[in-house]
Amino acid sequence: ALLAITSFSTPEPASAQSTFLCQDTVSSRGGSKAAFKGPRQRRAMRRAKRRWIRAVQARYGERFANFSNARNVTWNCETRAQFRNCNLNADPCG
């Protein structure tokens, strides 16, 4: 008996062919003077993240401004007196 095996592939749609790219690191900073330490840290991080997104939009466009796609994300938060500062560094990708 003769057995024939055929394989083929179909081209991917254009959207699947697009390349996932990362850009140079973008840094931002957020601060908070909330009354309690937990909310102060969360607020400072939230502000740094919003500033990062705005900076990425301005520099690289909307495609790269999705924080969920960012790579090499680092946070550095410090307290000075009653003020909490958080620095964010991340590579925008899209």
PDB file of N, CA and C in Angstrom:
ATOM      1  N   ALA A   1       0.850  -1.171   0.000  1.00  0.00           N
ATOM      2  CA  ALA A   1       0.000   0.000   0.000  1.00  0.00           C
ATOM      3  C   ALA A   1       0.897   1.235   0.000  1.00  0.00           C
ATOM      4  N   LEU A   2       0.447   2.203  -0.731  1.00  0.00           N
ATOM      5  CA  LEU A   2       1.187   3.448  -0.865  1.00  0.00           C
ATOM      6  C   LEU A   2       0.534   4.515   0.005  1.00  0.00           C
ATOM      7  N   LEU A   3       1.336   5.205   0.802  1.00  0.00           N
ATOM      8  CA  LEU A   3       0.815   6.234   1.694  1.00  0.00           C
ATOM      9  C   LEU A   3       1.390   7.572   1.276  1.00  0.00           C
ATOM     10  N   ALA A   4       0.533   8.523   1.061  1.00  0.00           N
ATOM     11  CA  ALA A   4       0.985   9.861   0.672  1.00  0.00           C
ATOM     12  C   ALA A   4       0.721  10.826   1.821  1.00  0.00           C
ATOM     13  N   ILE A   5       1.746  11.574   2.158  1.00  0.00           N
ATOM     14  CA  ILE A   5       1.605  12.579   3.211  1.00  0.00           C
ATOM     15  C   ILE A   5       1.852  13.940   2.588  1.00  0.00           C
ATOM     16  N   THR A   6       0.924  14.809   2.794  1.00  0.00           N
ATOM     17  CA  THR A   6       1.023  16.146   2.242  1.00  0.00           C
ATOM     18  C   THR A   6       0.998  17.151   3.383  1.00  0.00           C
ATOM     19  N   SER A   7       1.895  18.099   3.316  1.00  0.00           N
ATOM     20  CA  SER A   7       1.847  19.170   4.313  1.00  0.00           C
ATOM     21  C   SER A   7       1.841  20.501   3.581  1.00  0.00           C
ATOM     22  N   PHE A   8       1.222  21.452   4.167  1.00  0.00           N
ATOM     23  CA  PHE A   8       1.178  22.783   3.575  1.00  0.00           C
ATOM     24  C   PHE A   8       0.996  23.789   4.696  1.00  0.00           C
ATOM     25  N   SER A   9       1.279  25.006   4.396  1.00  0.00           N
ATOM     26  CA  SER A   9       1.052  26.063   5.376  1.00  0.00           C
ATOM     27  C   SER A   9       0.317  27.195   4.699  1.00  0.00           C
ATOM     28  N   THR A  10      -0.453  27.878   5.488  1.00  0.00           N
ATOM     29  CA  THR A  10      -1.167  29.036   4.965  1.00  0.00           C
ATOM     30  C   THR A  10      -0.474  30.284   5.480  1.00  0.00           C
ATOM     31  N   PRO A  11      -0.444  31.328   4.698  1.00  0.00           N
ATOM     32  CA  PRO A  11       0.203  32.557   5.163  1.00  0.00           C
ATOM     33  C   PRO A  11      -0.532  33.134   6.359  1.00  0.00           C
ATOM     34  N   GLU A  12       0.231  33.704   7.273  1.00  0.00           N
ATOM     35  CA  GLU A  12      -0.378  34.348   8.439  1.00  0.00           C
ATOM     36  C   GLU A  12      -1.033  35.646   8.019  1.00  0.00           C
ATOM     37  N   PRO A  13      -2.098  36.026   8.699  1.00  0.00           N
ATOM     38  CA  PRO A  13      -2.688  37.328   8.396  1.00  0.00           C
ATOM     39  C   PRO A  13      -1.682  38.439   8.686  1.00  0.00           C
ATOM     40  N   ALA A  14      -1.860  39.560   8.055  1.00  0.00           N
ATOM     41  CA  ALA A  14      -0.925  40.676   8.193  1.00  0.00           C
ATOM     42  C   ALA A  14      -0.737  41.083   9.651  1.00  0.00           C
ATOM     43  N   SER A  15      -1.803  41.042  10.439  1.00  0.00           N
ATOM     44  CA  SER A  15      -1.686  41.448  11.840  1.00  0.00           C
ATOM     45  C   SER A  15      -0.775  40.513  12.620  1.00  0.00           C
ATOM     46  N   ALA A  16      -0.752  39.241  12.286  1.00  0.00           N
ATOM     47  CA  ALA A  16       0.106  38.285  12.978  1.00  0.00           C
ATOM     48  C   ALA A  16       1.563  38.423  12.534  1.00  0.00           C
ATOM     49  N   GLN A  17       1.782  39.017  11.367  1.00  0.00           N
ATOM     50  CA  GLN A  17       3.135  39.172  10.856  1.00  0.00           C
ATOM     51  C   GLN A  17       3.857  40.377  11.453  1.00  0.00           C
ATOM     52  N   SER A  18       3.108  41.284  12.064  1.00  0.00           N
ATOM     53  CA  SER A  18       3.747  42.477  12.611  1.00  0.00           C
ATOM     54  C   SER A  18       4.724  42.073  13.711  1.00  0.00           C
ATOM     55  N   THR A  19       5.787  42.816  13.814  1.00  0.00           N
ATOM     56  CA  THR A  19       6.860  42.491  14.741  1.00  0.00           C
ATOM     57  C   THR A  19       6.690  43.214  16.066  1.00  0.00           C
ATOM     58  N   PHE A  20       6.961  42.503  17.133  1.00  0.00           N
ATOM     59  CA  PHE A  20       6.943  43.084  18.473  1.00  0.00           C
ATOM     60  C   PHE A  20       8.285  43.762  18.682  1.00  0.00           C
ATOM     61  N   LEU A  21       8.277  45.075  18.838  1.00  0.00           N
ATOM     62  CA  LEU A  21       9.507  45.857  18.972  1.00  0.00           C
ATOM     63  C   LEU A  21       9.582  46.517  20.335  1.00  0.00           C
ATOM     64  N   CYS A  22      10.793  46.700  20.813  1.00  0.00           N
ATOM     65  CA  CYS A  22      11.011  47.462  22.047  1.00  0.00           C
ATOM     66  C   CYS A  22      11.880  48.673  21.737  1.00  0.00           C
ATOM     67  N   GLN A  23      11.617  49.741  22.443  1.00  0.00           N
ATOM     68  CA  GLN A  23      12.352  50.988  22.269  1.00  0.00           C
ATOM     69  C   GLN A  23      13.309  51.189  23.447  1.00  0.00           C
ATOM     70  N   ASP A  24      14.059  52.284  23.411  1.00  0.00           N
ATOM     71  CA  ASP A  24      14.976  52.620  24.500  1.00  0.00           C
ATOM     72  C   ASP A  24      14.202  52.889  25.791  1.00  0.00           C
ATOM     73  N   THR A  25      14.877  52.675  26.894  1.00  0.00           N
ATOM     74  CA  THR A  25      14.275  52.845  28.221  1.00  0.00           C
ATOM     75  C   THR A  25      13.738  54.259  28.424  1.00  0.00           C
ATOM     76  N   VAL A  26      12.564  54.316  29.022  1.00  0.00           N
ATOM     77  CA  VAL A  26      11.946  55.587  29.393  1.00  0.00           C
ATOM     78  C   VAL A  26      11.853  55.610  30.913  1.00  0.00           C
ATOM     79  N   SER A  27      12.217  56.740  31.506  1.00  0.00           N
ATOM     80  CA  SER A  27      12.180  56.899  32.963  1.00  0.00           C
ATOM     81  C   SER A  27      11.124  57.920  33.357  1.00  0.00           C
ATOM     82  N   SER A  28      10.543  57.711  34.516  1.00  0.00           N
ATOM     83  CA  SER A  28       9.579  58.673  35.045  1.00  0.00           C
ATOM     84  C   SER A  28       9.647  58.638  36.561  1.00  0.00           C
ATOM     85  N   ARG A  29       9.015  59.626  37.166  1.00  0.00           N
ATOM     86  CA  ARG A  29       9.038  59.746  38.618  1.00  0.00           C
ATOM     87  C   ARG A  29       7.669  60.193  39.103  1.00  0.00           C
ATOM     88  N   GLY A  30       7.255  59.637  40.215  1.00  0.00           N
ATOM     89  CA  GLY A  30       6.007  60.052  40.838  1.00  0.00           C
ATOM     90  C   GLY A  30       6.213  60.225  42.320  1.00  0.00           C
ATOM     91  N   GLY A  31       5.477  61.132  42.917  1.00  0.00           N
ATOM     92  CA  GLY A  31       5.604  61.385  44.345  1.00  0.00           C
ATOM     93  C   GLY A  31       4.255  61.506  45.012  1.00  0.00           C
ATOM     94  N   SER A  32       4.250  61.306  46.328  1.00  0.00           N
ATOM     95  CA  SER A  32       3.010  61.428  47.083  1.00  0.00           C
ATOM     96  C   SER A  32       3.313  61.818  48.521  1.00  0.00           C
ATOM     97  N   LYS A  33       2.406  62.582  49.082  1.00  0.00           N
ATOM     98  CA  LYS A  33       2.506  62.970  50.489  1.00  0.00           C
ATOM     99  C   LYS A  33       1.235  62.544  51.216  1.00  0.00           C
ATOM    100  N   ALA A  34       0.735  61.357  50.876  1.00  0.00           N
ATOM    101  CA  ALA A  34      -0.469  60.832  51.529  1.00  0.00           C
ATOM    102  C   ALA A  34      -0.188  60.589  53.012  1.00  0.00           C
ATOM    103  N   ALA A  35      -1.245  60.502  53.794  1.00  0.00           N
ATOM    104  CA  ALA A  35      -1.105  60.404  55.245  1.00  0.00           C
ATOM    105  C   ALA A  35      -0.515  59.070  55.708  1.00  0.00           C
ATOM    106  N   PHE A  36      -0.792  57.991  54.999  1.00  0.00           N
ATOM    107  CA  PHE A  36      -0.338  56.671  55.424  1.00  0.00           C
ATOM    108  C   PHE A  36       0.629  56.079  54.407  1.00  0.00           C
ATOM    109  N   LYS A  37       1.554  55.259  54.891  1.00  0.00           N
ATOM    110  CA  LYS A  37       2.637  54.739  54.055  1.00  0.00           C
ATOM    111  C   LYS A  37       2.137  53.917  52.859  1.00  0.00           C
ATOM    112  N   GLY A  38       1.188  52.996  53.069  1.00  0.00           N
ATOM    113  CA  GLY A  38       0.678  52.147  51.979  1.00  0.00           C
ATOM    114  C   GLY A  38       0.064  52.962  50.848  1.00  0.00           C
ATOM    115  N   PRO A  39      -0.910  53.832  51.162  1.00  0.00           N
ATOM    116  CA  PRO A  39      -1.493  54.675  50.113  1.00  0.00           C
ATOM    117  C   PRO A  39      -0.472  55.613  49.473  1.00  0.00           C
ATOM    118  N   ARG A  40       0.495  56.073  50.252  1.00  0.00           N
ATOM    119  CA  ARG A  40       1.527  56.975  49.739  1.00  0.00           C
ATOM    120  C   ARG A  40       2.344  56.262  48.657  1.00  0.00           C
ATOM    121  N   GLN A  41       2.731  55.020  48.915  1.00  0.00           N
ATOM    122  CA  GLN A  41       3.517  54.252  47.940  1.00  0.00           C
ATOM    123  C   GLN A  41       2.683  53.976  46.679  1.00  0.00           C
ATOM    124  N   ARG A  42       1.453  53.529  46.858  1.00  0.00           N
ATOM    125  CA  ARG A  42       0.599  53.227  45.700  1.00  0.00           C
ATOM    126  C   ARG A  42       0.369  54.468  44.849  1.00  0.00           C
ATOM    127  N   ARG A  43       0.116  55.598  45.490  1.00  0.00           N
ATOM    128  CA  ARG A  43      -0.115  56.834  44.747  1.00  0.00           C
ATOM    129  C   ARG A  43       1.138  57.269  43.990  1.00  0.00           C
ATOM    130  N   ALA A  44       2.287  57.172  44.634  1.00  0.00           N
ATOM    131  CA  ALA A  44       3.542  57.549  43.977  1.00  0.00           C
ATOM    132  C   ALA A  44       3.806  56.646  42.767  1.00  0.00           C
ATOM    133  N   MET A  45       3.557  55.352  42.916  1.00  0.00           N
ATOM    134  CA  MET A  45       3.754  54.420  41.796  1.00  0.00           C
ATOM    135  C   MET A  45       2.764  54.697  40.665  1.00  0.00           C
ATOM    136  N   ARG A  46       1.518  54.965  41.027  1.00  0.00           N
ATOM    137  CA  ARG A  46       0.494  55.277  40.028  1.00  0.00           C
ATOM    138  C   ARG A  46       0.871  56.529  39.236  1.00  0.00           C
ATOM    139  N   ARG A  47       1.360  57.536  39.930  1.00  0.00           N
ATOM    140  CA  ARG A  47       1.761  58.773  39.255  1.00  0.00           C
ATOM    141  C   ARG A  47       2.958  58.547  38.334  1.00  0.00           C
ATOM    142  N   ALA A  48       3.928  57.775  38.794  1.00  0.00           N
ATOM    143  CA  ALA A  48       5.093  57.474  37.952  1.00  0.00           C
ATOM    144  C   ALA A  48       4.663  56.702  36.705  1.00  0.00           C
ATOM    145  N   LYS A  49       3.742  55.767  36.873  1.00  0.00           N
ATOM    146  CA  LYS A  49       3.254  54.979  35.730  1.00  0.00           C
ATOM    147  C   LYS A  49       2.521  55.866  34.722  1.00  0.00           C
ATOM    148  N   ARG A  50       1.656  56.754  35.202  1.00  0.00           N
ATOM    149  CA  ARG A  50       0.937  57.663  34.294  1.00  0.00           C
ATOM    150  C   ARG A  50       1.911  58.557  33.538  1.00  0.00           C
ATOM    151  N   ARG A  51       2.921  59.050  34.230  1.00  0.00           N
ATOM    152  CA  ARG A  51       3.922  59.903  33.572  1.00  0.00           C
ATOM    153  C   ARG A  51       4.735  59.107  32.553  1.00  0.00           C
ATOM    154  N   TRP A  52       5.032  57.858  32.865  1.00  0.00           N
ATOM    155  CA  TRP A  52       5.760  56.988  31.927  1.00  0.00           C
ATOM    156  C   TRP A  52       4.928  56.813  30.650  1.00  0.00           C
ATOM    157  N   ILE A  53       3.646  56.526  30.807  1.00  0.00           N
ATOM    158  CA  ILE A  53       2.760  56.322  29.653  1.00  0.00           C
ATOM    159  C   ILE A  53       2.703  57.584  28.794  1.00  0.00           C
ATOM    160  N   ARG A  54       2.552  58.749  29.426  1.00  0.00           N
ATOM    161  CA  ARG A  54       2.512  59.998  28.659  1.00  0.00           C
ATOM    162  C   ARG A  54       3.833  60.251  27.935  1.00  0.00           C
ATOM    163  N   ALA A  55       4.946  59.986  28.597  1.00  0.00           N
ATOM    164  CA  ALA A  55       6.258  60.193  27.969  1.00  0.00           C
ATOM    165  C   ALA A  55       6.452  59.251  26.785  1.00  0.00           C
ATOM    166  N   VAL A  56       6.017  58.007  26.922  1.00  0.00           N
ATOM    167  CA  VAL A  56       6.133  57.037  25.827  1.00  0.00           C
ATOM    168  C   VAL A  56       5.245  57.445  24.661  1.00  0.00           C
ATOM    169  N   GLN A  57       4.023  57.869  24.941  1.00  0.00           N
ATOM    170  CA  GLN A  57       3.121  58.325  23.876  1.00  0.00           C
ATOM    171  C   GLN A  57       3.753  59.466  23.093  1.00  0.00           C
ATOM    172  N   ALA A  58       4.335  60.406  23.807  1.00  0.00           N
ATOM    173  CA  ALA A  58       4.931  61.574  23.152  1.00  0.00           C
ATOM    174  C   ALA A  58       6.162  61.192  22.335  1.00  0.00           C
ATOM    175  N   ARG A  59       6.959  60.274  22.840  1.00  0.00           N
ATOM    176  CA  ARG A  59       8.223  59.925  22.192  1.00  0.00           C
ATOM    177  C   ARG A  59       8.071  58.869  21.098  1.00  0.00           C
ATOM    178  N   TYR A  60       7.265  57.825  21.365  1.00  0.00           N
ATOM    179  CA  TYR A  60       7.215  56.677  20.445  1.00  0.00           C
ATOM    180  C   TYR A  60       5.836  56.403  19.855  1.00  0.00           C
ATOM    181  N   GLY A  61       4.798  57.052  20.371  1.00  0.00           N
ATOM    182  CA  GLY A  61       3.451  56.854  19.850  1.00  0.00           C
ATOM    183  C   GLY A  61       2.638  55.878  20.683  1.00  0.00           C
ATOM    184  N   GLU A  62       1.363  55.834  20.365  1.00  0.00           N
ATOM    185  CA  GLU A  62       0.381  55.050  21.114  1.00  0.00           C
ATOM    186  C   GLU A  62       0.707  53.555  21.138  1.00  0.00           C
ATOM    187  N   ARG A  63       1.269  53.040  20.067  1.00  0.00           N
ATOM    188  CA  ARG A  63       1.572  51.607  19.964  1.00  0.00           C
ATOM    189  C   ARG A  63       2.426  51.110  21.141  1.00  0.00           C
ATOM    190  N   PHE A  64       3.336  51.943  21.620  1.00  0.00           N
ATOM    191  CA  PHE A  64       4.274  51.526  22.648  1.00  0.00           C
ATOM    192  C   PHE A  64       3.851  51.931  24.059  1.00  0.00           C
ATOM    193  N   ALA A  65       2.719  52.608  24.191  1.00  0.00           N
ATOM    194  CA  ALA A  65       2.315  53.180  25.476  1.00  0.00           C
ATOM    195  C   ALA A  65       1.533  52.225  26.377  1.00  0.00           C
ATOM    196  N   ASN A  66       1.434  50.964  26.020  1.00  0.00           N
ATOM    197  CA  ASN A  66       0.743  49.984  26.850  1.00  0.00           C
ATOM    198  C   ASN A  66       1.731  49.441  27.889  1.00  0.00           C
ATOM    199  N   PHE A  67       1.549  49.806  29.146  1.00  0.00           N
ATOM    200  CA  PHE A  67       2.491  49.416  30.188  1.00  0.00           C
ATOM    201  C   PHE A  67       2.576  47.895  30.348  1.00  0.00           C
ATOM    202  N   SER A  68       1.515  47.183  30.020  1.00  0.00           N
ATOM    203  CA  SER A  68       1.515  45.718  30.123  1.00  0.00           C
ATOM    204  C   SER A  68       2.542  45.079  29.193  1.00  0.00           C
ATOM    205  N   ASN A  69       2.908  45.777  28.118  1.00  0.00           N
ATOM    206  CA  ASN A  69       3.894  45.257  27.172  1.00  0.00           C
ATOM    207  C   ASN A  69       5.328  45.660  27.506  1.00  0.00           C
ATOM    208  N   ALA A  70       5.506  46.496  28.515  1.00  0.00           N
ATOM    209  CA  ALA A  70       6.847  46.998  28.865  1.00  0.00           C
ATOM    210  C   ALA A  70       7.752  45.862  29.329  1.00  0.00           C
ATOM    211  N   ARG A  71       9.033  45.999  29.046  1.00  0.00           N
ATOM    212  CA  ARG A  71      10.039  45.021  29.464  1.00  0.00           C
ATOM    213  C   ARG A  71      11.086  45.717  30.328  1.00  0.00           C
ATOM    214  N   ASN A  72      11.821  44.930  31.095  1.00  0.00           N
ATOM    215  CA  ASN A  72      12.890  45.441  31.962  1.00  0.00           C
ATOM    216  C   ASN A  72      12.384  46.534  32.900  1.00  0.00           C
ATOM    217  N   VAL A  73      11.242  46.284  33.502  1.00  0.00           N
ATOM    218  CA  VAL A  73      10.611  47.256  34.401  1.00  0.00           C
ATOM    219  C   VAL A  73      11.322  47.232  35.762  1.00  0.00           C
ATOM    220  N   THR A  74      11.754  48.396  36.214  1.00  0.00           N
ATOM    221  CA  THR A  74      12.345  48.506  37.550  1.00  0.00           C
ATOM    222  C   THR A  74      11.722  49.684  38.289  1.00  0.00           C
ATOM    223  N   TRP A  75      11.454  49.472  39.550  1.00  0.00           N
ATOM    224  CA  TRP A  75      10.916  50.497  40.435  1.00  0.00           C
ATOM    225  C   TRP A  75      11.935  50.765  41.531  1.00  0.00           C
ATOM    226  N   ASN A  76      12.068  52.009  41.909  1.00  0.00           N
ATOM    227  CA  ASN A  76      12.904  52.388  43.035  1.00  0.00           C
ATOM    228  C   ASN A  76      12.143  53.449  43.818  1.00  0.00           C
ATOM    229  N   CYS A  77      11.661  53.076  45.005  1.00  0.00           N
ATOM    230  CA  CYS A  77      10.867  53.995  45.812  1.00  0.00           C
ATOM    231  C   CYS A  77      11.612  54.329  47.106  1.00  0.00           C
ATOM    232  N   GLU A  78      11.565  55.615  47.469  1.00  0.00           N
ATOM    233  CA  GLU A  78      12.240  56.110  48.665  1.00  0.00           C
ATOM    234  C   GLU A  78      11.307  57.023  49.446  1.00  0.00           C
ATOM    235  N   THR A  79      11.518  57.024  50.743  1.00  0.00           N
ATOM    236  CA  THR A  79      10.771  57.941  51.597  1.00  0.00           C
ATOM    237  C   THR A  79      11.719  58.983  52.154  1.00  0.00           C
ATOM    238  N   ARG A  80      11.307  60.223  52.054  1.00  0.00           N
ATOM    239  CA  ARG A  80      12.041  61.345  52.650  1.00  0.00           C
ATOM    240  C   ARG A  80      11.034  62.155  53.442  1.00  0.00           C
ATOM    241  N   ALA A  81      11.219  62.156  54.736  1.00  0.00           N
ATOM    242  CA  ALA A  81      10.261  62.780  55.650  1.00  0.00           C
ATOM    243  C   ALA A  81       8.892  62.147  55.407  1.00  0.00           C
ATOM    244  N   GLN A  82       7.888  62.905  55.062  1.00  0.00           N
ATOM    245  CA  GLN A  82       6.553  62.359  54.794  1.00  0.00           C
ATOM    246  C   GLN A  82       6.279  62.194  53.305  1.00  0.00           C
ATOM    247  N   PHE A  83       7.303  62.318  52.490  1.00  0.00           N
ATOM    248  CA  PHE A  83       7.126  62.271  51.043  1.00  0.00           C
ATOM    249  C   PHE A  83       7.680  60.972  50.480  1.00  0.00           C
ATOM    250  N   ARG A  84       6.934  60.332  49.622  1.00  0.00           N
ATOM    251  CA  ARG A  84       7.350  59.081  48.980  1.00  0.00           C
ATOM    252  C   ARG A  84       7.581  59.352  47.500  1.00  0.00           C
ATOM    253  N   ASN A  85       8.770  59.044  46.997  1.00  0.00           N
ATOM    254  CA  ASN A  85       9.110  59.177  45.583  1.00  0.00           C
ATOM    255  C   ASN A  85       9.327  57.801  44.984  1.00  0.00           C
ATOM    256  N   CYS A  86       8.794  57.581  43.801  1.00  0.00           N
ATOM    257  CA  CYS A  86       9.032  56.335  43.079  1.00  0.00           C
ATOM    258  C   CYS A  86       9.552  56.663  41.679  1.00  0.00           C
ATOM    259  N   ASN A  87      10.661  56.036  41.342  1.00  0.00           N
ATOM    260  CA  ASN A  87      11.238  56.151  40.008  1.00  0.00           C
ATOM    261  C   ASN A  87      10.944  54.863  39.252  1.00  0.00           C
ATOM    262  N   LEU A  88      10.533  55.025  38.020  1.00  0.00           N
ATOM    263  CA  LEU A  88      10.199  53.904  37.158  1.00  0.00           C
ATOM    264  C   LEU A  88      11.060  53.954  35.912  1.00  0.00           C
ATOM    265  N   ASN A  89      11.662  52.829  35.575  1.00  0.00           N
ATOM    266  CA  ASN A  89      12.413  52.685  34.321  1.00  0.00           C
ATOM    267  C   ASN A  89      11.851  51.459  33.611  1.00  0.00           C
ATOM    268  N   ALA A  90      11.540  51.610  32.333  1.00  0.00           N
ATOM    269  CA  ALA A  90      11.005  50.488  31.577  1.00  0.00           C
ATOM    270  C   ALA A  90      11.215  50.709  30.088  1.00  0.00           C
ATOM    271  N   ASP A  91      11.363  49.603  29.364  1.00  0.00           N
ATOM    272  CA  ASP A  91      11.488  49.643  27.912  1.00  0.00           C
ATOM    273  C   ASP A  91      10.099  49.508  27.303  1.00  0.00           C
ATOM    274  N   PRO A  92       9.608  50.517  26.595  1.00  0.00           N
ATOM    275  CA  PRO A  92       8.295  50.417  25.963  1.00  0.00           C
ATOM    276  C   PRO A  92       8.352  49.460  24.766  1.00  0.00           C
ATOM    277  N   CYS A  93       7.392  48.559  24.705  1.00  0.00           N
ATOM    278  CA  CYS A  93       7.347  47.583  23.613  1.00  0.00           C
ATOM    279  C   CYS A  93       5.943  47.551  23.022  1.00  0.00           C
ATOM    280  N   GLY A  94       5.890  47.184  21.775  1.00  0.00           N
ATOM    281  CA  GLY A  94       4.578  47.090  21.127  1.00  0.00           C
ATOM    282  C   GLY A  94       4.679  46.414  19.797  1.00  0.00           C
TER     283      GLY A  94
END
